[in-house]
Amino acid sequence: MPSSKKILVAVDNFDNSRKALTYVAEMVRGRDDAQVRVFHIIVPIPPELREHGGSEDPAKEAQLSRELQAAQSRWIEAQQQAFAPTLQAITAYLVNHGVPPQSISSESCACVQEANLDICLLEAAAAWDAGTLVVGWDTFSSFEEAMKRHLAEKLIRKGQGLTFWIVK
């Protein structure tokens, strides 16, 4: 059973996520028993890093797969490094708004396709045993606009057993 004291906060950037972060800080301010995980999804992986052209030669196919994985890993690492200052700002913001620093953790995940944002978030919440998933209404909105369905709607429809805070 998910822990009601574990709150996963989805962020794409500081500005889009500020309202959600403020709300979370207000809800857990001064509580040593609550845990907040800032969850950054790296999206989208560029199309050229999603798959290789393939080969009929099994050895060449294996080599292409290794090269693709290495390229994906380098790209993800670069994205994580680029997001590090934002993550530091988010952590400082939470601490400055009363969340105990020892209660804050972070995680990032690469989502291959924008259409899978909901799946990435739900899997992360389940893996961490989060009881609450927080999404700002504007979080990931640029990706969702292209799909004509809002992320929050998909999460609520699929997220059994979780509490959702959709902050507008």
C-alpha atoms as a PDB file:
ATOM      1  CA  MET A   1       0.000   0.000   0.000  1.00  0.00           C
ATOM      2  CA  PRO A   2       1.428   3.402  -0.958  1.00  0.00           C
ATOM      3  CA  SER A   3       2.660   5.619   1.846  1.00  0.00           C
ATOM      4  CA  SER A   4       0.491   8.661   2.421  1.00  0.00           C
ATOM      5  CA  LYS A   5       3.565  10.461   3.710  1.00  0.00           C
ATOM      6  CA  LYS A   6       5.483  10.176   0.448  1.00  0.00           C
ATOM      7  CA  ILE A   7       4.742  12.925  -2.057  1.00  0.00           C
ATOM      8  CA  LEU A   8       6.099  12.768  -5.602  1.00  0.00           C
ATOM      9  CA  VAL A   9       6.164  16.197  -7.271  1.00  0.00           C
ATOM     10  CA  ALA A  10       6.466  16.211 -11.064  1.00  0.00           C
ATOM     11  CA  VAL A  11       8.497  19.123 -12.405  1.00  0.00           C
ATOM     12  CA  ASP A  12       9.532  20.212 -15.853  1.00  0.00           C
ATOM     13  CA  ASN A  13      10.983  23.597 -14.970  1.00  0.00           C
ATOM     14  CA  PHE A  14      10.913  25.896 -11.981  1.00  0.00           C
ATOM     15  CA  ASP A  15       8.470  28.464 -13.358  1.00  0.00           C
ATOM     16  CA  ASN A  16       5.833  25.941 -14.440  1.00  0.00           C
ATOM     17  CA  SER A  17       6.173  24.032 -11.187  1.00  0.00           C
ATOM     18  CA  ARG A  18       6.313  26.919  -8.701  1.00  0.00           C
ATOM     19  CA  LYS A  19       2.621  26.786  -7.691  1.00  0.00           C
ATOM     20  CA  ALA A  20       2.766  23.039  -7.130  1.00  0.00           C
ATOM     21  CA  LEU A  21       5.965  23.387  -5.107  1.00  0.00           C
ATOM     22  CA  THR A  22       4.441  26.168  -3.012  1.00  0.00           C
ATOM     23  CA  TYR A  23       1.380  24.037  -2.319  1.00  0.00           C
ATOM     24  CA  VAL A  24       3.487  21.041  -1.319  1.00  0.00           C
ATOM     25  CA  ALA A  25       5.619  23.216   0.961  1.00  0.00           C
ATOM     26  CA  GLU A  26       2.498  24.587   2.658  1.00  0.00           C
ATOM     27  CA  MET A  27       1.124  21.087   3.200  1.00  0.00           C
ATOM     28  CA  VAL A  28       4.296  19.570   4.678  1.00  0.00           C
ATOM     29  CA  ARG A  29       5.850  22.611   6.356  1.00  0.00           C
ATOM     30  CA  GLY A  30       7.452  21.538   9.606  1.00  0.00           C
ATOM     31  CA  ARG A  31       6.426  17.882   9.280  1.00  0.00           C
ATOM     32  CA  ASP A  32       9.377  15.604   9.797  1.00  0.00           C
ATOM     33  CA  ASP A  33       7.383  12.523   8.810  1.00  0.00           C
ATOM     34  CA  ALA A  34       6.590  13.648   5.251  1.00  0.00           C
ATOM     35  CA  GLN A  35       8.932  12.915   2.357  1.00  0.00           C
ATOM     36  CA  VAL A  36       8.995  14.937  -0.846  1.00  0.00           C
ATOM     37  CA  ARG A  37      10.581  13.638  -4.025  1.00  0.00           C
ATOM     38  CA  VAL A  38      11.125  16.124  -6.823  1.00  0.00           C
ATOM     39  CA  PHE A  39      10.689  14.099  -9.997  1.00  0.00           C
ATOM     40  CA  HIS A  40      12.049  15.473 -13.245  1.00  0.00           C
ATOM     41  CA  ILE A  41      11.129  13.768 -16.488  1.00  0.00           C
ATOM     42  CA  ILE A  42      13.539  14.355 -19.310  1.00  0.00           C
ATOM     43  CA  VAL A  43      11.440  14.572 -22.451  1.00  0.00           C
ATOM     44  CA  PRO A  44      11.545  13.924 -25.222  1.00  0.00           C
ATOM     45  CA  ILE A  45      14.505  11.823 -26.204  1.00  0.00           C
ATOM     46  CA  PRO A  46      15.368  13.060 -29.705  1.00  0.00           C
ATOM     47  CA  PRO A  47      14.072  10.845 -32.516  1.00  0.00           C
ATOM     48  CA  GLU A  48      17.588   9.996 -33.693  1.00  0.00           C
ATOM     49  CA  LEU A  49      18.302   8.479 -30.262  1.00  0.00           C
ATOM     50  CA  ARG A  50      15.167   6.347 -30.084  1.00  0.00           C
ATOM     51  CA  GLU A  51      16.222   3.618 -32.490  1.00  0.00           C
ATOM     52  CA  HIS A  52      18.917   2.713 -34.952  1.00  0.00           C
ATOM     53  CA  GLY A  53      18.575   1.561 -38.526  1.00  0.00           C
ATOM     54  CA  GLY A  54      19.247  -2.050 -37.674  1.00  0.00           C
ATOM     55  CA  SER A  55      21.252  -4.672 -39.455  1.00  0.00           C
ATOM     56  CA  GLU A  56      20.702  -8.197 -40.668  1.00  0.00           C
ATOM     57  CA  ASP A  57      24.078  -9.144 -39.219  1.00  0.00           C
ATOM     58  CA  PRO A  58      23.500 -10.060 -35.525  1.00  0.00           C
ATOM     59  CA  ALA A  59      26.959  -8.835 -34.490  1.00  0.00           C
ATOM     60  CA  LYS A  60      26.432  -5.500 -36.232  1.00  0.00           C
ATOM     61  CA  GLU A  61      22.921  -5.250 -34.723  1.00  0.00           C
ATOM     62  CA  ALA A  62      24.365  -5.781 -31.235  1.00  0.00           C
ATOM     63  CA  GLN A  63      27.049  -3.163 -31.890  1.00  0.00           C
ATOM     64  CA  LEU A  64      24.440  -0.653 -33.110  1.00  0.00           C
ATOM     65  CA  SER A  65      22.348  -1.310 -30.007  1.00  0.00           C
ATOM     66  CA  ARG A  66      25.335  -0.717 -27.715  1.00  0.00           C
ATOM     67  CA  GLU A  67      26.203   2.489 -29.556  1.00  0.00           C
ATOM     68  CA  LEU A  68      22.612   3.699 -29.325  1.00  0.00           C
ATOM     69  CA  GLN A  69      22.476   2.959 -25.584  1.00  0.00           C
ATOM     70  CA  ALA A  70      25.749   4.815 -25.064  1.00  0.00           C
ATOM     71  CA  ALA A  71      24.463   7.813 -27.031  1.00  0.00           C
ATOM     72  CA  GLN A  72      21.217   7.797 -25.045  1.00  0.00           C
ATOM     73  CA  SER A  73      23.144   7.647 -21.771  1.00  0.00           C
ATOM     74  CA  ARG A  74      25.344  10.591 -22.798  1.00  0.00           C
ATOM     75  CA  TRP A  75      22.294  12.627 -23.820  1.00  0.00           C
ATOM     76  CA  ILE A  76      20.451  11.843 -20.575  1.00  0.00           C
ATOM     77  CA  GLU A  77      23.527  12.738 -18.507  1.00  0.00           C
ATOM     78  CA  ALA A  78      23.817  16.066 -20.342  1.00  0.00           C
ATOM     79  CA  GLN A  79      20.138  16.796 -19.671  1.00  0.00           C
ATOM     80  CA  GLN A  80      20.541  15.946 -15.983  1.00  0.00           C
ATOM     81  CA  GLN A  81      23.558  18.229 -15.713  1.00  0.00           C
ATOM     82  CA  ALA A  82      21.672  21.027 -17.457  1.00  0.00           C
ATOM     83  CA  PHE A  83      18.773  20.603 -15.010  1.00  0.00           C
ATOM     84  CA  ALA A  84      21.009  20.495 -11.908  1.00  0.00           C
ATOM     85  CA  PRO A  85      20.869  24.275 -11.234  1.00  0.00           C
ATOM     86  CA  THR A  86      17.072  24.187 -11.522  1.00  0.00           C
ATOM     87  CA  LEU A  87      16.946  21.241  -9.151  1.00  0.00           C
ATOM     88  CA  GLN A  88      19.120  23.129  -6.675  1.00  0.00           C
ATOM     89  CA  ALA A  89      16.785  26.137  -6.941  1.00  0.00           C
ATOM     90  CA  ILE A  90      13.741  23.913  -6.386  1.00  0.00           C
ATOM     91  CA  THR A  91      15.322  22.283  -3.339  1.00  0.00           C
ATOM     92  CA  ALA A  92      16.286  25.675  -1.894  1.00  0.00           C
ATOM     93  CA  TYR A  93      12.762  26.948  -2.551  1.00  0.00           C
ATOM     94  CA  LEU A  94      11.224  24.027  -0.666  1.00  0.00           C
ATOM     95  CA  VAL A  95      13.635  24.435   2.248  1.00  0.00           C
ATOM     96  CA  ASN A  96      13.014  28.198   2.364  1.00  0.00           C
ATOM     97  CA  HIS A  97       9.288  27.461   2.509  1.00  0.00           C
ATOM     98  CA  GLY A  98       9.589  25.158   5.502  1.00  0.00           C
ATOM     99  CA  VAL A  99      10.244  21.683   4.122  1.00  0.00           C
ATOM    100  CA  PRO A 100      12.994  20.011   6.165  1.00  0.00           C
ATOM    101  CA  PRO A 101      16.020  19.395   3.904  1.00  0.00           C
ATOM    102  CA  GLN A 102      16.318  15.778   5.042  1.00  0.00           C
ATOM    103  CA  SER A 103      12.769  15.215   3.755  1.00  0.00           C
ATOM    104  CA  ILE A 104      13.645  16.181   0.174  1.00  0.00           C
ATOM    105  CA  SER A 105      15.020  13.849  -2.471  1.00  0.00           C
ATOM    106  CA  SER A 106      15.103  13.965  -6.234  1.00  0.00           C
ATOM    107  CA  GLU A 107      15.010  11.659  -9.197  1.00  0.00           C
ATOM    108  CA  SER A 108      15.039  12.069 -12.925  1.00  0.00           C
ATOM    109  CA  CYS A 109      13.863   9.748 -15.627  1.00  0.00           C
ATOM    110  CA  ALA A 110      14.043   9.797 -19.393  1.00  0.00           C
ATOM    111  CA  CYS A 111      10.738   9.237 -21.104  1.00  0.00           C
ATOM    112  CA  VAL A 112      11.154   8.052 -24.670  1.00  0.00           C
ATOM    113  CA  GLN A 113       7.918   9.508 -26.024  1.00  0.00           C
ATOM    114  CA  GLU A 114       5.783  12.409 -24.860  1.00  0.00           C
ATOM    115  CA  ALA A 115       2.699  10.198 -25.005  1.00  0.00           C
ATOM    116  CA  ASN A 116       4.111   8.120 -22.143  1.00  0.00           C
ATOM    117  CA  LEU A 117       4.455  10.904 -19.548  1.00  0.00           C
ATOM    118  CA  ASP A 118       1.597   9.508 -17.493  1.00  0.00           C
ATOM    119  CA  ILE A 119       3.130   6.037 -17.502  1.00  0.00           C
ATOM    120  CA  CYS A 120       6.544   7.401 -16.457  1.00  0.00           C
ATOM    121  CA  LEU A 121       4.985   9.291 -13.542  1.00  0.00           C
ATOM    122  CA  LEU A 122       2.789   6.429 -12.385  1.00  0.00           C
ATOM    123  CA  GLU A 123       5.680   3.961 -12.526  1.00  0.00           C
ATOM    124  CA  ALA A 124       7.892   6.341 -10.537  1.00  0.00           C
ATOM    125  CA  ALA A 125       5.177   6.818  -7.918  1.00  0.00           C
ATOM    126  CA  ALA A 126       4.732   3.052  -7.610  1.00  0.00           C
ATOM    127  CA  ALA A 127       8.471   2.348  -7.454  1.00  0.00           C
ATOM    128  CA  TRP A 128       8.936   4.901  -4.660  1.00  0.00           C
ATOM    129  CA  ASP A 129       5.727   3.806  -2.935  1.00  0.00           C
ATOM    130  CA  ALA A 130       4.340   7.354  -3.074  1.00  0.00           C
ATOM    131  CA  GLY A 131       0.839   7.936  -1.808  1.00  0.00           C
ATOM    132  CA  THR A 132       0.449  11.325  -3.460  1.00  0.00           C
ATOM    133  CA  LEU A 133       1.404  12.552  -6.913  1.00  0.00           C
ATOM    134  CA  VAL A 134       1.505  16.316  -7.424  1.00  0.00           C
ATOM    135  CA  VAL A 135       1.334  17.847 -10.877  1.00  0.00           C
ATOM    136  CA  GLY A 136       1.048  21.518 -11.687  1.00  0.00           C
ATOM    137  CA  TRP A 137      -1.605  22.186 -14.308  1.00  0.00           C
ATOM    138  CA  ASP A 138       1.028  23.853 -16.499  1.00  0.00           C
ATOM    139  CA  THR A 139       3.628  21.148 -15.942  1.00  0.00           C
ATOM    140  CA  PHE A 140       4.465  19.455 -19.238  1.00  0.00           C
ATOM    141  CA  SER A 141       1.633  21.443 -20.862  1.00  0.00           C
ATOM    142  CA  SER A 142       3.594  22.128 -24.041  1.00  0.00           C
ATOM    143  CA  PHE A 143       3.902  18.392 -24.645  1.00  0.00           C
ATOM    144  CA  GLU A 144       0.309  17.704 -23.729  1.00  0.00           C
ATOM    145  CA  GLU A 145      -1.084  20.395 -26.030  1.00  0.00           C
ATOM    146  CA  ALA A 146       0.286  18.456 -28.960  1.00  0.00           C
ATOM    147  CA  MET A 147      -1.604  15.354 -27.808  1.00  0.00           C
ATOM    148  CA  LYS A 148      -4.941  17.131 -27.204  1.00  0.00           C
ATOM    149  CA  ARG A 149      -5.324  15.539 -23.787  1.00  0.00           C
ATOM    150  CA  HIS A 150      -4.049  16.929 -20.529  1.00  0.00           C
ATOM    151  CA  LEU A 151      -1.606  14.954 -18.417  1.00  0.00           C
ATOM    152  CA  ALA A 152      -3.688  15.417 -15.260  1.00  0.00           C
ATOM    153  CA  GLU A 153      -6.721  13.827 -16.921  1.00  0.00           C
ATOM    154  CA  LYS A 154      -4.713  10.773 -17.958  1.00  0.00           C
ATOM    155  CA  LEU A 155      -3.162  10.383 -14.512  1.00  0.00           C
ATOM    156  CA  ILE A 156      -6.490  10.514 -12.712  1.00  0.00           C
ATOM    157  CA  ARG A 157      -7.972   7.984 -15.120  1.00  0.00           C
ATOM    158  CA  LYS A 158      -5.094   5.500 -14.748  1.00  0.00           C
ATOM    159  CA  GLY A 159      -3.745   6.117 -11.253  1.00  0.00           C
ATOM    160  CA  GLN A 160      -5.540   3.682  -9.001  1.00  0.00           C
ATOM    161  CA  GLY A 161      -4.680   3.919  -5.318  1.00  0.00           C
ATOM    162  CA  LEU A 162      -2.962   7.287  -5.545  1.00  0.00           C
ATOM    163  CA  THR A 163      -4.013  10.670  -4.284  1.00  0.00           C
ATOM    164  CA  PHE A 164      -3.537  13.432  -6.844  1.00  0.00           C
ATOM    165  CA  TRP A 165      -2.951  17.091  -6.219  1.00  0.00           C
ATOM    166  CA  ILE A 166      -3.460  18.936  -9.480  1.00  0.00           C
ATOM    167  CA  VAL A 167      -2.382  22.500  -8.784  1.00  0.00           C
ATOM    168  CA  LYS A 168      -3.670  25.208 -11.096  1.00  0.00           C
END
